[in-house]
Amino acid sequence: MTIVHGQVCYLQVPTTDLAASARFYAAVLGWRTDPHEAGFEAPGVIGQFVTDRSPAADTGLVAWVAVDDVEAALVAAEAHGGRVLEAPSPDGPNRVLTTVADPSGNPVGLVSHAGGVQE
C-alpha cells in the first residue's frame, strides 16, 4: 500500500465498549476486528478503538464510509448496537447518504454509490 500526502491512514475511534465496537464495525463495514483487541484494519487504513477519549455524538469529524448496500448496512447497524440518525437520502443522481450512531454514540456516515463499491 502506498501512502500519499493528505491521505487518512490511521483512525482512533473512541469507545465505551471495545467488544461492542469491534462487532459493530466488522458487521456494518466489514472491517477486520477482534472483539478482544483494540486494533482494526479497514481498506486503506488501520486504527484502534480507544477508551481514553470520549465518544462525540455531535462534535468533531464524521467519517463517511462506502457501503455496497445502505439498507443492509442499516439493518446490520441496528442489529449490532447502533441506531439510525438520518434516514437514507439521495445526494445527486449517483449517491445515497445516511448517518448512523455506533454503539458508543459516535456518528458514522454511510454512502452508497450507483453501481456498487469497487474492491
N, C-alpha and C. Protein backbone atom coordinates (compact mmCIF):
# COMPACT_ATOMS: atom_id res chain seq x y z
N MET A 1 0.85 -1.19 0.00
CA MET A 1 0.00 0.00 0.00
C MET A 1 0.89 1.24 0.00
N THR A 2 0.62 2.16 -0.89
CA THR A 2 1.34 3.42 -0.95
C THR A 2 0.53 4.47 -0.21
N ILE A 3 1.18 5.19 0.66
CA ILE A 3 0.53 6.27 1.41
C ILE A 3 1.00 7.58 0.79
N VAL A 4 0.05 8.49 0.52
CA VAL A 4 0.38 9.76 -0.10
C VAL A 4 0.00 10.91 0.84
N HIS A 5 0.62 12.03 0.62
CA HIS A 5 0.36 13.24 1.40
C HIS A 5 -1.13 13.55 1.44
N GLY A 6 -1.67 13.74 2.62
CA GLY A 6 -3.08 14.10 2.79
C GLY A 6 -4.01 12.92 2.96
N GLN A 7 -3.53 11.71 2.77
CA GLN A 7 -4.36 10.52 2.89
C GLN A 7 -4.62 10.20 4.36
N VAL A 8 -5.85 9.86 4.68
CA VAL A 8 -6.15 9.34 6.01
C VAL A 8 -5.57 7.94 6.07
N CYS A 9 -4.72 7.68 7.05
CA CYS A 9 -4.07 6.38 7.12
C CYS A 9 -4.20 5.72 8.49
N TYR A 10 -4.69 6.44 9.50
CA TYR A 10 -4.84 5.88 10.83
C TYR A 10 -6.00 6.57 11.52
N LEU A 11 -6.86 5.79 12.14
CA LEU A 11 -8.01 6.34 12.86
C LEU A 11 -8.01 5.87 14.29
N GLN A 12 -8.43 6.73 15.19
CA GLN A 12 -8.75 6.34 16.55
C GLN A 12 -10.25 6.55 16.71
N VAL A 13 -10.95 5.50 17.12
CA VAL A 13 -12.38 5.56 17.31
C VAL A 13 -12.67 5.44 18.80
N PRO A 14 -13.14 6.52 19.44
CA PRO A 14 -13.47 6.45 20.86
C PRO A 14 -14.59 5.44 21.11
N THR A 15 -14.46 4.68 22.20
CA THR A 15 -15.47 3.69 22.51
C THR A 15 -15.66 3.58 24.02
N THR A 16 -16.85 3.20 24.40
CA THR A 16 -17.12 2.87 25.80
C THR A 16 -17.17 1.37 25.99
N ASP A 17 -17.14 0.61 24.88
CA ASP A 17 -17.22 -0.85 24.94
C ASP A 17 -16.46 -1.42 23.75
N LEU A 18 -15.24 -1.86 24.00
CA LEU A 18 -14.36 -2.34 22.93
C LEU A 18 -14.99 -3.47 22.13
N ALA A 19 -15.53 -4.48 22.80
CA ALA A 19 -16.10 -5.63 22.09
C ALA A 19 -17.30 -5.23 21.23
N ALA A 20 -18.17 -4.36 21.77
CA ALA A 20 -19.34 -3.92 21.01
C ALA A 20 -18.92 -3.13 19.77
N SER A 21 -17.92 -2.27 19.91
CA SER A 21 -17.44 -1.50 18.76
C SER A 21 -16.82 -2.42 17.72
N ALA A 22 -16.03 -3.38 18.16
CA ALA A 22 -15.40 -4.32 17.21
C ALA A 22 -16.47 -5.08 16.43
N ARG A 23 -17.49 -5.58 17.11
CA ARG A 23 -18.57 -6.31 16.42
C ARG A 23 -19.32 -5.40 15.46
N PHE A 24 -19.63 -4.18 15.88
CA PHE A 24 -20.38 -3.23 15.05
C PHE A 24 -19.63 -2.92 13.75
N TYR A 25 -18.37 -2.51 13.86
CA TYR A 25 -17.62 -2.11 12.67
C TYR A 25 -17.33 -3.30 11.75
N ALA A 26 -17.17 -4.48 12.31
CA ALA A 26 -17.00 -5.67 11.48
C ALA A 26 -18.29 -5.99 10.73
N ALA A 27 -19.43 -5.93 11.41
CA ALA A 27 -20.71 -6.29 10.80
C ALA A 27 -21.20 -5.25 9.80
N VAL A 28 -21.06 -3.99 10.13
CA VAL A 28 -21.60 -2.92 9.28
C VAL A 28 -20.68 -2.57 8.12
N LEU A 29 -19.37 -2.50 8.39
CA LEU A 29 -18.43 -2.02 7.38
C LEU A 29 -17.46 -3.07 6.87
N GLY A 30 -17.48 -4.25 7.46
CA GLY A 30 -16.58 -5.30 7.01
C GLY A 30 -15.15 -5.13 7.46
N TRP A 31 -14.90 -4.26 8.45
CA TRP A 31 -13.54 -4.06 8.94
C TRP A 31 -13.07 -5.32 9.65
N ARG A 32 -11.78 -5.59 9.58
CA ARG A 32 -11.18 -6.71 10.31
C ARG A 32 -10.96 -6.26 11.74
N THR A 33 -11.66 -6.88 12.66
CA THR A 33 -11.56 -6.52 14.07
C THR A 33 -11.45 -7.79 14.90
N ASP A 34 -11.08 -7.61 16.15
CA ASP A 34 -11.07 -8.69 17.13
C ASP A 34 -11.70 -8.11 18.38
N PRO A 35 -12.83 -8.67 18.82
CA PRO A 35 -13.52 -8.11 19.99
C PRO A 35 -12.67 -8.06 21.26
N HIS A 36 -11.52 -8.75 21.26
CA HIS A 36 -10.66 -8.76 22.44
C HIS A 36 -9.44 -7.85 22.28
N GLU A 37 -9.28 -7.27 21.12
CA GLU A 37 -8.14 -6.40 20.84
C GLU A 37 -8.64 -5.03 20.38
N ALA A 38 -7.82 -4.01 20.57
CA ALA A 38 -8.25 -2.65 20.24
C ALA A 38 -8.03 -2.29 18.77
N GLY A 39 -7.16 -2.98 18.07
CA GLY A 39 -6.82 -2.60 16.70
C GLY A 39 -7.84 -3.07 15.69
N PHE A 40 -7.86 -2.39 14.53
CA PHE A 40 -8.70 -2.81 13.41
C PHE A 40 -8.00 -2.48 12.11
N GLU A 41 -8.45 -3.15 11.05
CA GLU A 41 -7.98 -2.87 9.70
C GLU A 41 -9.18 -2.63 8.81
N ALA A 42 -9.10 -1.57 8.02
CA ALA A 42 -10.13 -1.22 7.05
C ALA A 42 -9.42 -0.97 5.72
N PRO A 43 -10.14 -0.95 4.61
CA PRO A 43 -9.48 -0.70 3.34
C PRO A 43 -8.68 0.61 3.36
N GLY A 44 -7.37 0.50 3.19
CA GLY A 44 -6.50 1.67 3.11
C GLY A 44 -6.19 2.35 4.42
N VAL A 45 -6.65 1.80 5.54
CA VAL A 45 -6.42 2.46 6.82
C VAL A 45 -6.36 1.42 7.94
N ILE A 46 -5.58 1.71 8.94
CA ILE A 46 -5.57 0.91 10.16
C ILE A 46 -5.99 1.81 11.30
N GLY A 47 -6.28 1.24 12.44
CA GLY A 47 -6.66 2.09 13.55
C GLY A 47 -6.83 1.32 14.83
N GLN A 48 -7.44 2.01 15.77
CA GLN A 48 -7.57 1.48 17.11
C GLN A 48 -8.81 2.06 17.77
N PHE A 49 -9.52 1.20 18.49
CA PHE A 49 -10.60 1.67 19.35
C PHE A 49 -9.94 2.12 20.65
N VAL A 50 -10.28 3.32 21.12
CA VAL A 50 -9.63 3.88 22.31
C VAL A 50 -10.67 4.20 23.38
N THR A 51 -10.28 3.98 24.61
CA THR A 51 -11.17 4.26 25.74
C THR A 51 -10.73 5.49 26.53
N ASP A 52 -9.62 6.10 26.14
CA ASP A 52 -9.15 7.28 26.86
C ASP A 52 -9.63 8.60 26.24
N ARG A 53 -10.50 8.52 25.24
CA ARG A 53 -11.15 9.69 24.64
C ARG A 53 -12.63 9.45 24.67
N SER A 54 -13.41 10.48 24.91
CA SER A 54 -14.86 10.35 24.98
C SER A 54 -15.47 10.30 23.59
N PRO A 55 -16.44 9.41 23.38
CA PRO A 55 -17.20 9.44 22.13
C PRO A 55 -17.86 10.81 21.97
N ALA A 56 -18.08 11.22 20.74
CA ALA A 56 -18.66 12.54 20.46
C ALA A 56 -19.87 12.38 19.56
N ALA A 57 -21.04 12.57 20.12
CA ALA A 57 -22.27 12.39 19.35
C ALA A 57 -22.52 13.54 18.37
N ASP A 58 -22.11 14.74 18.71
CA ASP A 58 -22.46 15.88 17.85
C ASP A 58 -21.34 16.90 17.69
N THR A 59 -20.10 16.48 17.89
CA THR A 59 -18.97 17.37 17.65
C THR A 59 -17.86 16.59 16.96
N GLY A 60 -16.94 17.28 16.38
CA GLY A 60 -15.79 16.63 15.77
C GLY A 60 -16.06 16.12 14.36
N LEU A 61 -15.09 15.38 13.85
CA LEU A 61 -15.15 14.85 12.49
C LEU A 61 -16.19 13.74 12.37
N VAL A 62 -16.73 13.61 11.18
CA VAL A 62 -17.60 12.48 10.85
C VAL A 62 -16.94 11.75 9.68
N ALA A 63 -16.64 10.48 9.89
CA ALA A 63 -16.09 9.66 8.80
C ALA A 63 -17.24 9.18 7.93
N TRP A 64 -17.09 9.31 6.62
CA TRP A 64 -18.06 8.80 5.65
C TRP A 64 -17.44 7.58 5.00
N VAL A 65 -18.13 6.47 5.08
CA VAL A 65 -17.58 5.20 4.64
C VAL A 65 -18.48 4.59 3.56
N ALA A 66 -17.86 4.10 2.50
CA ALA A 66 -18.61 3.50 1.39
C ALA A 66 -19.15 2.13 1.80
N VAL A 67 -20.40 1.88 1.42
CA VAL A 67 -21.03 0.58 1.63
C VAL A 67 -21.68 0.15 0.31
N ASP A 68 -21.78 -1.17 0.12
CA ASP A 68 -22.43 -1.68 -1.09
C ASP A 68 -23.93 -1.44 -1.07
N ASP A 69 -24.53 -1.59 0.10
CA ASP A 69 -25.99 -1.57 0.23
C ASP A 69 -26.37 -0.84 1.51
N VAL A 70 -26.90 0.37 1.37
CA VAL A 70 -27.26 1.18 2.53
C VAL A 70 -28.28 0.48 3.42
N GLU A 71 -29.30 -0.11 2.82
CA GLU A 71 -30.34 -0.77 3.62
C GLU A 71 -29.77 -1.92 4.43
N ALA A 72 -28.92 -2.74 3.83
CA ALA A 72 -28.29 -3.85 4.55
C ALA A 72 -27.39 -3.32 5.67
N ALA A 73 -26.68 -2.23 5.41
CA ALA A 73 -25.82 -1.64 6.44
C ALA A 73 -26.64 -1.12 7.61
N LEU A 74 -27.81 -0.54 7.33
CA LEU A 74 -28.67 -0.05 8.41
C LEU A 74 -29.20 -1.20 9.26
N VAL A 75 -29.59 -2.29 8.62
CA VAL A 75 -30.06 -3.46 9.36
C VAL A 75 -28.94 -3.98 10.26
N ALA A 76 -27.73 -4.08 9.70
CA ALA A 76 -26.58 -4.56 10.49
C ALA A 76 -26.25 -3.60 11.62
N ALA A 77 -26.33 -2.30 11.36
CA ALA A 77 -26.05 -1.32 12.42
C ALA A 77 -27.00 -1.49 13.59
N GLU A 78 -28.29 -1.58 13.30
CA GLU A 78 -29.26 -1.71 14.39
C GLU A 78 -29.14 -3.05 15.10
N ALA A 79 -28.77 -4.10 14.39
CA ALA A 79 -28.60 -5.42 15.00
C ALA A 79 -27.36 -5.51 15.87
N HIS A 80 -26.43 -4.56 15.71
CA HIS A 80 -25.17 -4.60 16.45
C HIS A 80 -24.98 -3.38 17.35
N GLY A 81 -26.08 -2.86 17.88
CA GLY A 81 -25.99 -1.82 18.90
C GLY A 81 -25.98 -0.39 18.41
N GLY A 82 -26.08 -0.18 17.10
CA GLY A 82 -26.13 1.17 16.57
C GLY A 82 -27.55 1.64 16.40
N ARG A 83 -27.68 2.86 15.91
CA ARG A 83 -29.02 3.39 15.61
C ARG A 83 -28.92 4.35 14.44
N VAL A 84 -30.03 4.46 13.72
CA VAL A 84 -30.08 5.34 12.56
C VAL A 84 -30.27 6.78 13.05
N LEU A 85 -29.40 7.67 12.61
CA LEU A 85 -29.53 9.09 12.94
C LEU A 85 -30.26 9.86 11.86
N GLU A 86 -29.98 9.53 10.61
CA GLU A 86 -30.62 10.18 9.47
C GLU A 86 -31.01 9.12 8.46
N ALA A 87 -32.24 9.17 8.01
CA ALA A 87 -32.73 8.21 7.02
C ALA A 87 -31.96 8.37 5.71
N PRO A 88 -31.85 7.32 4.93
CA PRO A 88 -31.17 7.42 3.64
C PRO A 88 -31.83 8.48 2.75
N SER A 89 -30.97 9.24 2.07
CA SER A 89 -31.49 10.23 1.14
C SER A 89 -30.54 10.34 -0.04
N PRO A 90 -31.10 10.65 -1.22
CA PRO A 90 -30.24 10.79 -2.39
C PRO A 90 -29.35 12.02 -2.28
N ASP A 91 -28.15 11.91 -2.80
CA ASP A 91 -27.22 13.03 -2.90
C ASP A 91 -26.78 13.08 -4.35
N GLY A 92 -27.57 13.74 -5.14
CA GLY A 92 -27.33 13.74 -6.57
C GLY A 92 -27.85 12.46 -7.19
N PRO A 93 -27.54 12.23 -8.45
CA PRO A 93 -28.09 11.05 -9.14
C PRO A 93 -27.38 9.73 -8.81
N ASN A 94 -26.21 9.80 -8.18
CA ASN A 94 -25.41 8.58 -8.05
C ASN A 94 -25.08 8.15 -6.62
N ARG A 95 -25.55 8.87 -5.63
CA ARG A 95 -25.19 8.52 -4.26
C ARG A 95 -26.41 8.53 -3.35
N VAL A 96 -26.35 7.68 -2.33
CA VAL A 96 -27.33 7.68 -1.25
C VAL A 96 -26.53 7.83 0.04
N LEU A 97 -26.96 8.75 0.90
CA LEU A 97 -26.29 9.02 2.16
C LEU A 97 -27.21 8.70 3.33
N THR A 98 -26.62 8.24 4.42
CA THR A 98 -27.34 8.05 5.68
C THR A 98 -26.32 8.16 6.80
N THR A 99 -26.78 8.41 7.99
CA THR A 99 -25.88 8.51 9.13
C THR A 99 -26.40 7.61 10.24
N VAL A 100 -25.48 6.87 10.86
CA VAL A 100 -25.80 6.01 12.00
C VAL A 100 -24.93 6.41 13.18
N ALA A 101 -25.34 5.98 14.36
CA ALA A 101 -24.51 6.10 15.55
C ALA A 101 -23.97 4.72 15.86
N ASP A 102 -22.68 4.64 16.19
CA ASP A 102 -22.12 3.35 16.61
C ASP A 102 -22.56 3.07 18.05
N PRO A 103 -22.22 1.93 18.63
CA PRO A 103 -22.70 1.61 19.97
C PRO A 103 -22.30 2.62 21.05
N SER A 104 -21.23 3.38 20.82
CA SER A 104 -20.80 4.38 21.79
C SER A 104 -21.39 5.75 21.52
N GLY A 105 -22.13 5.90 20.40
CA GLY A 105 -22.77 7.17 20.07
C GLY A 105 -22.05 8.01 19.05
N ASN A 106 -20.88 7.56 18.55
CA ASN A 106 -20.18 8.30 17.51
C ASN A 106 -20.97 8.24 16.20
N PRO A 107 -21.14 9.37 15.51
CA PRO A 107 -21.81 9.30 14.20
C PRO A 107 -20.86 8.75 13.13
N VAL A 108 -21.44 7.97 12.22
CA VAL A 108 -20.70 7.42 11.09
C VAL A 108 -21.57 7.63 9.86
N GLY A 109 -21.03 8.29 8.85
CA GLY A 109 -21.75 8.48 7.61
C GLY A 109 -21.57 7.27 6.71
N LEU A 110 -22.65 6.84 6.10
CA LEU A 110 -22.60 5.72 5.15
C LEU A 110 -23.00 6.26 3.79
N VAL A 111 -22.24 5.90 2.77
CA VAL A 111 -22.53 6.37 1.42
C VAL A 111 -22.48 5.19 0.46
N SER A 112 -23.51 5.10 -0.37
CA SER A 112 -23.59 4.06 -1.38
C SER A 112 -23.58 4.76 -2.74
N HIS A 113 -22.72 4.28 -3.62
CA HIS A 113 -22.60 4.85 -4.96
C HIS A 113 -23.34 3.95 -5.96
N ALA A 114 -23.95 4.54 -6.96
CA ALA A 114 -24.61 3.77 -8.01
C ALA A 114 -23.58 2.85 -8.65
N GLY A 115 -23.98 1.62 -8.87
CA GLY A 115 -23.06 0.67 -9.46
C GLY A 115 -22.25 -0.10 -8.43
N GLY A 116 -22.44 0.23 -7.14
CA GLY A 116 -21.74 -0.51 -6.08
C GLY A 116 -20.38 0.05 -5.78
N VAL A 117 -19.72 -0.58 -4.83
CA VAL A 117 -18.41 -0.17 -4.38
C VAL A 117 -17.38 -1.09 -5.01
N GLN A 118 -16.31 -0.51 -5.53
CA GLN A 118 -15.24 -1.33 -6.10
C GLN A 118 -14.31 -1.77 -5.00
N GLU A 119 -13.84 -3.00 -5.10
CA GLU A 119 -12.90 -3.53 -4.10
C GLU A 119 -11.50 -3.53 -4.63
